[in-house]
Protein backbone atom coordinates (compact mmCIF):
# COMPACT_ATOMS: atom_id res chain seq x y z
CA MET A 1 93.68 28.37 -53.01
CA ASN A 2 92.53 27.75 -56.57
CA THR A 3 91.85 30.76 -58.73
CA VAL A 4 88.90 30.87 -61.10
CA SER A 5 91.25 30.41 -64.06
CA ASP A 6 92.87 27.36 -62.45
CA ALA A 7 89.48 25.84 -61.68
CA LEU A 8 88.24 26.52 -65.20
CA ALA A 9 91.32 24.88 -66.72
CA ARG A 10 90.67 21.75 -64.64
CA VAL A 11 87.00 21.66 -65.60
CA LEU A 12 87.66 22.04 -69.32
CA ALA A 13 90.49 19.50 -69.23
CA TYR A 14 88.27 16.99 -67.44
CA HIS A 15 85.36 17.60 -69.81
CA GLU A 16 87.45 17.06 -72.94
CA ARG A 17 89.31 14.08 -71.52
CA THR A 18 86.10 12.26 -70.56
CA LYS A 19 84.35 12.53 -73.89
CA HIS A 20 83.55 9.28 -75.68
CA ARG A 21 85.02 9.33 -79.17
CA LEU A 22 84.63 7.04 -82.16
CA GLU A 23 88.27 5.99 -81.88
CA ARG A 24 88.20 5.45 -78.11
CA TYR A 25 85.94 5.54 -75.11
CA ALA A 26 86.67 7.59 -72.00
CA ALA A 27 89.09 5.84 -69.63
CA GLY A 28 87.44 3.17 -67.53
CA PRO A 29 88.20 -0.19 -65.91
CA GLU A 30 89.37 -2.90 -68.26
CA THR A 31 87.37 -5.56 -66.43
CA LEU A 32 84.48 -5.79 -63.96
CA ASP A 33 83.91 -8.39 -61.27
CA TRP A 34 80.20 -8.14 -60.49
CA ASP A 35 80.66 -10.38 -57.47
CA SER A 36 82.75 -7.61 -55.89
CA GLN A 37 80.50 -4.68 -56.77
CA PRO A 38 80.59 -1.96 -54.07
CA ASP A 39 77.88 -2.15 -51.43
CA PRO A 40 74.97 -0.07 -52.80
CA PHE A 41 73.88 0.97 -49.30
CA ARG A 42 75.78 3.25 -46.95
CA ARG A 43 75.33 2.73 -43.22
CA PHE A 44 76.71 4.50 -40.19
CA GLU A 45 77.36 1.83 -37.59
CA GLY A 46 76.57 2.92 -34.06
CA ALA A 47 74.21 5.73 -35.06
CA PRO A 48 70.76 5.58 -33.41
CA ALA A 49 68.09 4.57 -35.93
CA ILE A 50 64.50 5.72 -36.33
CA ARG A 51 62.15 3.46 -38.28
CA LEU A 52 60.10 5.46 -40.78
CA PRO A 53 56.48 4.53 -41.50
CA LEU A 54 55.63 3.11 -44.93
CA ALA A 55 52.62 5.30 -45.59
CA ALA A 56 52.81 6.40 -49.23
CA ASP A 57 49.93 4.10 -50.19
CA ARG A 58 47.64 6.28 -48.08
CA LEU A 59 48.17 9.24 -50.40
CA ALA A 60 45.33 9.81 -52.82
CA THR A 61 46.98 12.71 -54.65
CA PRO A 62 46.62 12.06 -58.40
CA PHE A 63 49.66 12.63 -60.56
CA GLY A 64 47.77 15.19 -62.64
CA ALA A 65 47.30 17.39 -59.56
CA LEU A 66 51.04 17.98 -59.24
CA SER A 67 50.84 20.49 -62.09
CA THR A 68 48.27 22.50 -60.12
CA PRO A 69 49.83 22.63 -56.65
CA GLU A 70 47.17 24.90 -55.23
CA THR A 71 44.74 21.97 -55.42
CA VAL A 72 46.81 19.79 -53.02
CA THR A 73 46.25 20.58 -49.34
CA PRO A 74 49.61 20.85 -47.51
CA GLN A 75 50.12 18.18 -44.87
CA ALA A 76 51.81 18.89 -41.55
CA LEU A 77 55.41 17.95 -40.86
CA SER A 78 55.54 14.67 -38.95
CA LEU A 79 57.46 11.41 -38.82
CA GLU A 80 54.91 9.92 -41.23
CA THR A 81 55.07 12.70 -43.82
CA VAL A 82 58.86 12.84 -43.68
CA GLY A 83 58.76 9.09 -44.33
CA ILE A 84 56.48 9.57 -47.34
CA LEU A 85 58.77 12.25 -48.77
CA LEU A 86 61.78 9.93 -48.60
CA GLU A 87 59.86 6.80 -49.63
CA LEU A 88 58.74 8.46 -52.89
CA SER A 89 62.05 10.13 -53.72
CA LEU A 90 65.09 8.17 -52.49
CA GLY A 91 63.39 4.98 -51.31
CA LEU A 92 63.22 1.57 -52.94
CA SER A 93 60.56 0.98 -55.57
CA ALA A 94 61.09 -2.78 -56.08
CA TRP A 95 63.50 -5.70 -55.92
CA LYS A 96 64.38 -7.63 -59.06
CA GLU A 97 65.48 -11.25 -59.35
CA TYR A 98 66.95 -13.16 -62.26
CA GLY A 99 68.41 -16.56 -61.47
CA PRO A 100 70.77 -16.18 -58.51
CA ASP A 101 71.01 -12.39 -58.90
CA ARG A 102 68.95 -9.94 -56.85
CA TRP A 103 69.09 -6.15 -57.01
CA ALA A 104 67.07 -3.16 -55.81
CA LEU A 105 65.43 -0.40 -57.84
CA ARG A 106 64.82 3.04 -56.39
CA CYS A 107 62.45 5.90 -57.10
CA ASN A 108 65.41 8.07 -58.09
CA PRO A 109 67.10 6.61 -61.19
CA SER A 110 70.85 6.18 -61.43
CA SER A 111 73.46 5.52 -64.09
CA GLY A 112 73.97 1.77 -64.17
CA ASN A 113 71.69 1.44 -61.12
CA LEU A 114 74.80 2.13 -59.01
CA HIS A 115 73.27 4.92 -56.88
CA PRO A 116 76.09 7.23 -55.79
CA THR A 117 73.58 9.71 -54.31
CA GLU A 118 73.09 9.73 -50.54
CA GLY A 119 70.30 11.61 -48.76
CA TYR A 120 70.37 13.49 -45.45
CA VAL A 121 67.68 15.36 -43.55
CA VAL A 122 67.98 18.06 -40.93
CA CYS A 123 64.97 18.06 -38.62
CA LEU A 124 64.06 21.00 -36.40
CA SER A 125 61.02 20.63 -34.14
CA VAL A 126 59.49 17.93 -36.35
CA PRO A 127 57.03 15.92 -34.20
CA GLU A 128 58.35 12.47 -33.18
CA VAL A 129 61.82 13.21 -34.59
CA PRO A 130 64.52 14.46 -32.20
CA ASP A 131 66.28 17.52 -33.58
CA GLY A 132 69.39 16.67 -35.53
CA VAL A 133 71.08 15.55 -38.74
CA TYR A 134 70.01 12.18 -40.17
CA HIS A 135 71.27 9.90 -42.90
CA TYR A 136 68.58 8.07 -44.88
CA VAL A 137 69.05 4.33 -45.47
CA SER A 138 66.84 3.40 -48.42
CA ARG A 139 67.26 -0.36 -47.99
CA ASP A 140 65.52 -0.33 -44.60
CA HIS A 141 63.60 2.96 -44.83
CA VAL A 142 65.16 4.27 -41.62
CA LEU A 143 66.88 7.44 -40.48
CA GLU A 144 70.27 7.18 -38.81
CA GLN A 145 70.87 10.05 -36.41
CA ARG A 146 74.34 11.32 -37.23
CA CYS A 147 74.08 14.39 -35.01
CA ARG A 148 71.83 15.27 -32.08
CA PHE A 149 71.32 18.98 -31.48
CA ALA A 150 71.98 20.37 -28.04
CA GLU A 151 69.46 23.21 -28.04
CA PRO A 152 65.91 22.93 -29.40
CA PRO A 153 65.00 25.40 -32.16
CA THR A 154 61.93 27.58 -31.95
CA ALA A 155 60.11 26.72 -35.19
CA PRO A 156 59.60 23.48 -37.18
CA ARG A 157 61.80 23.24 -40.26
CA LEU A 158 62.97 20.44 -42.53
CA PHE A 159 65.97 20.39 -44.85
CA VAL A 160 67.10 17.68 -47.28
CA ALA A 161 70.71 17.45 -48.46
CA LEU A 162 72.34 15.34 -51.16
CA SER A 163 75.87 13.98 -51.41
CA SER A 164 77.71 11.75 -53.89
CA ILE A 165 80.00 8.75 -53.42
CA HIS A 166 82.11 8.96 -56.56
CA TRP A 167 83.53 5.45 -56.25
CA ARG A 168 80.14 3.84 -56.74
CA GLU A 169 80.09 5.13 -60.33
CA ALA A 170 83.85 5.06 -60.95
CA TRP A 171 83.94 1.34 -60.14
CA LYS A 172 82.13 0.74 -63.44
CA TYR A 173 82.54 3.91 -65.50
CA GLY A 174 86.00 5.19 -64.58
CA GLU A 175 86.80 8.83 -65.25
CA ARG A 176 83.40 9.71 -66.70
CA ALA A 177 81.83 8.86 -63.31
CA PHE A 178 81.84 12.45 -62.03
CA ARG A 179 79.49 13.39 -64.87
CA TYR A 180 77.09 10.61 -63.92
CA CYS A 181 77.15 11.50 -60.23
CA GLN A 182 76.03 15.03 -61.15
CA LEU A 183 73.28 13.75 -63.45
CA ASP A 184 72.07 11.51 -60.62
CA THR A 185 71.97 14.53 -58.32
CA GLY A 186 69.72 16.30 -60.83
CA HIS A 187 67.44 13.27 -60.98
CA ALA A 188 67.29 13.21 -57.17
CA ILE A 189 66.34 16.90 -57.06
CA GLY A 190 63.45 16.12 -59.39
CA ALA A 191 62.45 13.03 -57.42
CA LEU A 192 62.35 15.04 -54.19
CA ARG A 193 60.34 17.84 -55.80
CA TYR A 194 57.69 15.46 -57.17
CA ALA A 195 57.49 13.65 -53.82
CA ALA A 196 57.12 16.92 -51.93
CA ALA A 197 54.31 17.96 -54.29
CA THR A 198 52.30 14.84 -53.41
CA LEU A 199 52.17 16.24 -49.86
CA GLY A 200 51.28 19.76 -50.94
CA TRP A 201 54.79 20.97 -50.07
CA ARG A 202 57.20 23.19 -51.94
CA LEU A 203 60.95 22.72 -52.18
CA SER A 204 63.47 25.56 -52.18
CA TRP A 205 67.14 25.34 -53.13
CA VAL A 206 69.28 26.91 -50.38
CA SER A 207 71.95 28.81 -52.33
CA GLY A 208 73.38 30.68 -49.35
CA ILE A 209 75.57 27.82 -48.18
CA GLY A 210 78.93 26.83 -49.66
CA PHE A 211 80.53 23.44 -50.09
CA ALA A 212 82.66 23.56 -46.94
CA GLU A 213 79.77 24.70 -44.75
CA LEU A 214 77.47 22.00 -46.11
CA ALA A 215 80.09 19.27 -45.72
CA ALA A 216 80.64 20.32 -42.12
CA GLY A 217 76.91 20.51 -41.45
CA LEU A 218 76.39 16.94 -42.69
CA GLY A 219 79.49 15.59 -40.92
CA LEU A 220 81.13 14.68 -44.24
CA ASP A 221 84.37 16.40 -43.24
CA ARG A 222 84.75 14.27 -40.10
CA ASN A 223 87.79 12.14 -40.89
CA GLU A 224 87.31 10.01 -37.81
CA ASP A 225 83.85 8.90 -39.03
CA PHE A 226 85.14 7.77 -42.44
CA SER A 227 88.27 5.89 -41.40
CA GLY A 228 89.02 3.49 -44.28
CA ALA A 229 85.61 4.16 -45.88
CA GLU A 230 84.79 5.88 -49.16
CA ARG A 231 84.22 9.61 -48.70
CA GLU A 232 81.11 11.52 -49.73
CA GLU A 233 81.02 14.77 -51.68
CA ALA A 234 78.50 17.36 -50.49
CA GLU A 235 76.27 18.55 -53.34
CA LEU A 236 73.40 20.83 -52.26
CA LEU A 237 70.83 21.67 -49.61
CA LEU A 238 67.06 21.95 -50.13
CA GLU A 239 64.46 23.33 -47.74
CA VAL A 240 61.03 21.75 -47.48
CA ILE A 241 58.31 24.40 -47.18
CA ALA A 242 55.30 22.68 -45.68
CA ASP A 243 53.59 25.88 -44.49
CA PRO A 244 53.62 28.65 -47.10
CA GLU A 245 52.66 31.13 -44.37
CA ASP A 246 55.73 30.33 -42.26
CA ALA A 247 57.74 33.54 -41.89
CA ASN A 248 60.97 31.56 -41.46
CA SER A 249 60.71 29.83 -44.83
CA GLY A 250 63.49 30.85 -47.17
CA LYS A 251 65.51 32.53 -44.42
CA PHE A 252 68.64 30.61 -43.60
CA ASP A 253 71.88 31.22 -41.74
CA PRO A 254 74.48 28.49 -42.42
CA SER A 255 75.42 28.56 -38.75
CA GLU A 256 71.92 27.24 -37.96
CA LEU A 257 72.61 23.92 -39.69
CA VAL A 258 74.44 22.42 -36.69
CA PRO A 259 74.22 24.37 -33.42
CA PRO A 260 77.27 24.48 -31.11
CA GLY A 261 77.53 21.61 -28.66
CA SER A 262 75.87 19.05 -30.92
CA ALA A 263 76.93 15.41 -30.53
CA TRP A 264 77.95 13.23 -33.50
CA SER A 265 77.75 9.44 -33.75
CA GLY A 266 78.20 6.66 -36.32
CA GLN A 267 80.99 5.14 -38.37
CA ALA A 268 80.66 4.87 -42.18
CA ASN A 269 80.77 1.35 -43.61
CA VAL A 270 83.34 0.35 -46.22
CA LEU A 271 81.66 -0.14 -49.58
CA ASP A 272 84.53 -1.74 -51.52
CA PRO A 273 87.31 -3.35 -49.47
CA HIS A 274 89.47 -4.11 -52.52
CA PRO A 275 89.24 -1.32 -55.15
CA MET A 276 91.16 -2.24 -58.30
CA TYR A 277 91.53 1.22 -59.87
CA ARG A 278 92.10 4.85 -58.90
CA TRP A 279 90.86 7.84 -60.88
CA PRO A 280 92.57 10.96 -59.43
CA ILE A 281 91.09 13.23 -62.10
CA ILE A 282 87.68 12.83 -60.42
CA GLU A 283 88.96 14.42 -57.21
CA GLU A 284 90.59 17.16 -59.27
CA VAL A 285 87.37 18.18 -61.01
CA ALA A 286 85.40 17.81 -57.78
CA GLU A 287 87.75 20.23 -56.04
CA ALA A 288 87.56 22.67 -58.97
CA THR A 289 83.74 22.75 -58.86
CA ARG A 290 83.11 23.17 -55.12
CA ALA A 291 80.86 26.20 -54.80
CA LEU A 292 81.20 29.12 -52.46
CA ALA A 293 78.17 30.68 -50.77
CA THR A 294 77.23 33.08 -53.53
CA PRO A 295 74.00 34.84 -54.47
CA PRO A 296 71.94 32.77 -56.91
CA GLU A 297 71.89 33.66 -60.57
CA PRO A 298 68.63 35.50 -61.30
CA GLY A 299 66.30 33.24 -63.23
CA VAL A 300 64.39 34.08 -66.39
CA ILE A 301 60.62 33.83 -66.10
CA GLU A 302 58.63 33.32 -69.29
CA THR A 303 54.89 33.04 -69.65
CA TYR A 304 53.28 29.87 -70.95
CA PRO A 305 49.66 28.73 -70.94
CA PRO A 306 48.66 26.73 -67.84
CA ARG A 307 49.73 23.12 -68.07
CA ARG A 308 46.89 20.66 -68.62
CA THR A 309 47.26 17.08 -67.44
CA ASP A 310 44.44 14.82 -66.38
CA CYS A 311 46.38 11.72 -65.29
CA PRO A 312 44.15 10.29 -62.52
CA GLU A 313 46.60 7.62 -61.36
CA PRO A 314 47.83 8.12 -57.79
CA ALA A 315 51.14 9.94 -57.90
CA ALA A 316 52.66 7.50 -55.42
CA ALA A 317 51.90 4.53 -57.68
CA LEU A 318 53.21 6.21 -60.83
CA ILE A 319 56.42 7.36 -59.10
CA ARG A 320 57.14 3.82 -57.89
CA GLN A 321 56.42 2.19 -61.25
CA ARG A 322 59.08 4.30 -63.01
CA ARG A 323 61.68 2.11 -64.70
CA SER A 324 64.41 2.49 -67.30
CA ALA A 325 63.39 0.70 -70.48
CA GLN A 326 65.97 -1.83 -71.64
CA HIS A 327 64.42 -2.50 -75.06
CA PHE A 328 61.82 -0.73 -77.20
CA ASP A 329 59.16 -2.01 -79.59
CA ARG A 330 59.87 -0.31 -82.91
CA ARG A 331 56.49 -1.36 -84.31
CA GLU A 332 54.66 1.17 -82.10
CA VAL A 333 54.05 4.82 -82.99
CA LEU A 334 53.72 7.57 -80.38
CA SER A 335 50.68 9.82 -80.73
CA THR A 336 51.17 13.48 -81.57
CA ALA A 337 49.33 14.43 -78.39
CA GLY A 338 51.63 12.25 -76.30
CA PHE A 339 54.74 13.77 -77.88
CA TYR A 340 53.62 17.35 -77.35
CA HIS A 341 52.53 16.52 -73.80
CA LEU A 342 56.08 15.40 -72.98
CA LEU A 343 57.69 18.43 -74.59
CA ASP A 344 55.29 20.81 -72.84
CA ALA A 345 56.40 19.35 -69.50
CA LEU A 346 59.97 20.49 -70.24
CA LEU A 347 59.05 24.17 -70.37
CA PRO A 348 60.26 26.00 -67.23
CA ARG A 349 56.99 27.06 -65.65
CA ARG A 350 56.91 27.96 -61.96
CA ILE A 351 55.20 24.69 -61.06
CA THR A 352 56.41 21.20 -60.11
CA PRO A 353 59.24 20.48 -60.64
CA TRP A 354 60.66 23.64 -62.19
CA ASP A 355 59.81 25.89 -59.24
CA VAL A 356 62.78 24.36 -57.39
CA TRP A 357 65.12 25.51 -60.18
CA ASN A 358 65.68 29.26 -59.81
CA LEU A 359 68.39 29.51 -62.44
CA THR A 360 68.09 30.59 -66.05
CA PRO A 361 67.24 27.59 -68.28
CA ARG A 362 70.46 26.51 -69.97
CA VAL A 363 69.56 23.06 -71.39
CA HIS A 364 67.91 22.85 -74.83
CA PRO A 365 66.96 19.42 -76.23
CA VAL A 366 67.62 18.35 -79.81
CA PHE A 367 65.37 15.45 -80.86
CA PHE A 368 65.86 12.51 -83.18
CA VAL A 369 62.23 11.83 -84.09
CA HIS A 370 61.74 8.29 -85.39
CA ARG A 371 58.11 7.26 -84.92
CA VAL A 372 55.73 10.04 -83.88
CA GLU A 373 52.30 10.30 -85.49
CA GLY A 374 52.00 13.30 -87.80
CA LEU A 375 55.68 14.29 -87.59
CA GLU A 376 58.23 13.70 -90.32
CA PRO A 377 61.28 11.78 -89.08
CA GLY A 378 64.25 14.04 -88.56
CA LEU A 379 66.01 16.45 -86.24
CA TYR A 380 64.03 18.88 -84.10
CA ALA A 381 65.15 21.55 -81.63
CA LEU A 382 63.40 22.91 -78.52
CA PRO A 383 65.01 26.14 -77.26
CA ARG A 384 63.80 26.42 -73.66
CA ARG A 385 64.53 30.13 -73.47
CA THR A 386 63.37 32.62 -76.07
CA ALA A 387 66.57 34.65 -76.00
CA ILE A 388 68.77 31.66 -76.86
CA GLU A 389 67.05 30.82 -80.16
CA PRO A 390 69.08 33.32 -82.26
CA GLU A 391 72.32 31.99 -80.75
CA LEU A 392 71.36 28.41 -81.55
CA ARG A 393 70.42 29.33 -85.12
CA ALA A 394 73.77 31.05 -85.58
CA ALA A 395 75.72 28.18 -84.05
CA PHE A 396 73.96 25.38 -85.95
CA ARG A 397 74.49 24.42 -89.58
CA SER A 398 73.43 27.15 -91.97
CA ASP A 399 71.32 24.78 -94.07
CA PHE A 400 68.98 23.82 -91.18
CA SER A 401 65.41 24.86 -91.92
CA TRP A 402 63.99 25.91 -88.48
CA THR A 403 60.40 25.17 -89.49
CA LYS A 404 57.60 24.96 -86.95
CA PRO A 405 55.66 21.70 -87.53
CA ALA A 406 52.06 22.01 -88.67
CA GLY A 407 49.71 21.54 -85.75
CA CYS A 408 52.36 22.20 -83.11
CA PRO A 409 50.91 24.15 -80.14
CA GLU A 410 51.62 27.84 -80.60
CA HIS A 411 53.41 28.25 -77.27
CA LEU A 412 55.72 25.27 -77.83
CA PRO A 413 59.08 26.46 -79.29
CA LEU A 414 59.65 23.33 -81.38
CA PHE A 415 61.40 23.56 -84.76
CA ARG A 416 62.16 20.92 -87.36
CA ILE A 417 65.73 21.65 -88.42
CA ALA A 418 66.33 18.69 -90.77
CA GLU A 419 64.03 16.10 -92.31
CA ALA A 420 65.62 12.65 -92.58
CA ASP A 421 65.42 9.05 -91.45
CA CYS A 422 68.00 9.25 -88.65
CA GLY A 423 67.49 5.85 -87.00
CA LYS A 424 70.86 4.38 -87.98
CA LEU A 425 72.59 7.66 -87.15
CA SER A 426 70.98 7.81 -83.73
CA ARG A 427 71.94 4.23 -82.98
CA ALA A 428 75.56 4.80 -83.97
CA LEU A 429 75.74 8.07 -82.05
CA HIS A 430 74.50 6.38 -78.87
CA CYS A 431 77.44 3.98 -78.71
CA HIS A 432 75.73 1.63 -81.19
CA GLN A 433 72.89 0.85 -78.76
CA ALA A 434 69.62 -0.34 -80.31
CA ILE A 435 67.57 1.83 -77.96
CA GLY A 436 68.85 4.84 -79.90
CA SER A 437 66.91 3.76 -82.99
CA ASP A 438 64.09 1.53 -81.67
CA CYS A 439 62.53 4.28 -79.53
CA ALA A 440 59.83 6.70 -80.65
CA PHE A 441 62.36 9.50 -80.23
CA ALA A 442 65.77 10.15 -78.75
CA LEU A 443 67.23 13.45 -77.67
CA GLY A 444 70.51 15.09 -76.77
CA MET A 445 70.49 17.76 -74.07
CA LEU A 446 72.50 20.59 -75.57
CA THR A 447 73.72 22.93 -72.86
CA GLU A 448 75.03 26.48 -72.85
CA PHE A 449 78.52 25.74 -71.65
CA GLU A 450 81.82 27.58 -71.75
CA PRO A 451 80.54 31.13 -71.07
CA ILE A 452 78.76 29.77 -67.99
CA VAL A 453 81.62 27.76 -66.47
CA ALA A 454 84.23 30.37 -67.44
CA ALA A 455 82.62 32.87 -65.09
CA GLN A 456 81.81 30.38 -62.30
CA PRO A 457 83.42 26.93 -62.71
CA TRP A 458 81.20 25.33 -60.06
CA ARG A 459 78.26 25.76 -62.40
CA TYR A 460 79.67 22.76 -64.27
CA ARG A 461 77.82 20.69 -61.69
CA GLU A 462 74.65 22.74 -62.01
CA LEU A 463 74.46 22.24 -65.78
CA PHE A 464 74.44 18.48 -65.22
CA TRP A 465 71.84 18.90 -62.45
CA GLU A 466 69.52 20.73 -64.85
CA ALA A 467 69.99 18.00 -67.46
CA GLY A 468 69.23 15.34 -64.84
CA LEU A 469 66.14 17.25 -63.79
CA LEU A 470 64.91 17.22 -67.40
CA GLY A 471 65.53 13.49 -67.43
CA GLN A 472 63.41 12.99 -64.32
CA VAL A 473 60.55 14.94 -65.91
CA LEU A 474 60.73 12.75 -69.00
CA TYR A 475 60.79 9.57 -66.92
CA LEU A 476 57.63 10.40 -64.98
CA GLU A 477 55.70 12.14 -67.74
CA ALA A 478 56.39 9.19 -70.05
CA GLU A 479 54.92 6.85 -67.44
CA ALA A 480 51.89 9.14 -67.21
CA VAL A 481 51.10 8.64 -70.92
CA GLY A 482 51.74 4.90 -70.87
CA ILE A 483 55.25 4.70 -72.31
CA ARG A 484 58.75 4.63 -70.82
CA GLY A 485 62.10 6.41 -70.97
CA THR A 486 65.77 5.61 -70.52
CA GLY A 487 68.63 7.95 -69.71
CA ILE A 488 71.77 7.43 -71.83
CA GLY A 489 75.19 8.43 -70.60
CA CYS A 490 77.08 6.67 -73.39
CA TYR A 491 77.15 8.73 -76.58
CA PHE A 492 79.84 10.19 -78.80
CA ASP A 493 79.99 13.79 -77.63
CA ASP A 494 81.66 15.54 -80.52
CA VAL A 495 79.96 13.44 -83.20
CA PHE A 496 76.69 14.93 -81.95
CA HIS A 497 78.21 18.43 -81.97
CA ASP A 498 79.55 17.94 -85.50
CA LEU A 499 76.15 16.76 -86.68
CA LEU A 500 74.68 20.08 -85.60
CA GLY A 501 77.53 22.10 -87.07
CA LEU A 502 78.82 23.25 -83.68
CA SER A 503 82.38 24.40 -83.19
CA GLY A 504 84.11 25.50 -80.01
CA ARG A 505 82.56 24.95 -76.59
CA ALA A 506 79.77 27.51 -76.43
CA PHE A 507 77.37 24.55 -76.44
CA GLN A 508 78.01 21.01 -75.24
CA SER A 509 75.80 17.95 -74.87
CA LEU A 510 75.75 16.62 -71.29
CA TYR A 511 73.05 13.93 -71.35
CA HIS A 512 70.97 11.91 -73.80
CA PHE A 513 67.60 10.22 -73.40
CA THR A 514 65.24 7.92 -75.27
CA VAL A 515 61.46 7.46 -75.00
CA GLY A 516 59.29 4.74 -76.49
CA PHE A 517 57.20 1.63 -75.97
CA PRO A 518 59.03 -0.80 -73.68
CA LEU A 519 59.52 -4.51 -74.21
CA THR A 520 59.46 -6.35 -70.88
CA ASP A 521 61.73 -9.27 -70.05
CA THR A 522 59.31 -11.65 -68.33
CA ARG A 523 62.16 -13.79 -67.03
CA ILE A 524 62.99 -11.12 -64.45
CA LEU A 525 60.86 -11.29 -61.30
CA THR A 526 59.61 -8.10 -59.65
CA LEU A 527 59.27 -8.19 -55.86
CA PRO A 528 57.94 -5.62 -53.34
CA PRO A 529 60.46 -3.04 -52.08
CA TYR A 530 59.93 -3.66 -48.37
CA ALA A 531 58.48 -7.15 -48.24
CA GLY A 532 59.79 -7.76 -44.74
CA ARG A 533 57.83 -4.86 -43.31
CA ASP A 534 54.13 -4.20 -42.97
CA PRO A 535 52.74 -0.74 -43.80
CA ASP A 536 52.66 1.34 -40.64
């Protein structure tokens, strides 16, 4: 059994080894054969399938209402509403075609559009859905029944679980893939929370279940069901709370996940029959970060003014139009109001999506502002927890100014720390990608690090999840103000730390992001996500 010190040593070794550096990138494949890319869709052959309705277009919930959840009437659990939840979170949003190539986009973004995240639901007394554990197939919008429960429960309940297939990312990104799988999990948490809010539902993270219990409950530890196929790594379990008056909500016994006598079915498909590389360090860090069933860390609640957003566009439409920008128009300037609107959405209020995150905020963005009306170009910091500001000031360069911009909303903890034209620097830092300089602004998600993982190494995953959740907020809120974002996993880790004057590992950057005005490649065709099916 691994001790905490052993697990920590593995985590820190992995983290250092997988940093991109100016003199070398993290270890990855030397060549890629796109014709042999792993199958992006997992199936369980032989598992009974339930066709989900395509009903998201019937939702009239405006995106602006998601910030005021009390205004959205909760809908009842049913086959249709479960379908809407999955359609707007893990489902397809479009197909793309360019020449002979065709690929799918999903509502939940993914590094390289490789989609290592798999979704499962556990249905208890949900009308029209036999009780059991189901795997969601986004390509066809169906549920595959992996396990049928022997005894019916007494009250309706719905759980959603996430897992990762590391090989999907490692095929392209090598050893750094574990990082990207965790970021994708954070994005999926956000996607599920926004989708649940469109139905008037809440989402609660079930912290009272450990890795082994969750893997068993989802059937991911069943060797006979994965013979020759890529394994999945259990990540976390979420409970959907459709009825806030339900006395059972929030009460969970891990033994309830799969009752005794339940029957399993289905054989996992092989995604890549001829893998060219192996990355054993990914399994090592995965093993070191598998959580036990421990009490959740108490969160920190701070008071902010109510969030104001008047976006009237249907939430379903905005969620499905989300894209990652490939190029930005550097001639455009973002309005001050738009910039502050995006930053305000990152503050951890107890509303969508932050009410699913019960942990203390540990991620604090540092911005490269290029083209924002009324703001001088330069570096800006946004401490998302009041108590961390003195630590950041002490850790950063001593000559940083920490000046609040004129006209910045009083409640927004934004500080200009250095005034400079940092376009070329931002481009170089982001692996020489033009999106780092052509955007309105870029940001690095600086995370409280070593003190957190030293005490509980499995929180290494959770820090990435929080960063991914921030990314999902930026994606959707950017769409709401008419611009677009792009997550960036390729950046030079320690160059960013050195720029800020950081030493040691008290703070580390785990994710970067850019926001701006997109340039669209009109050569690429956009096709409906489920063209072969009529809305139900």
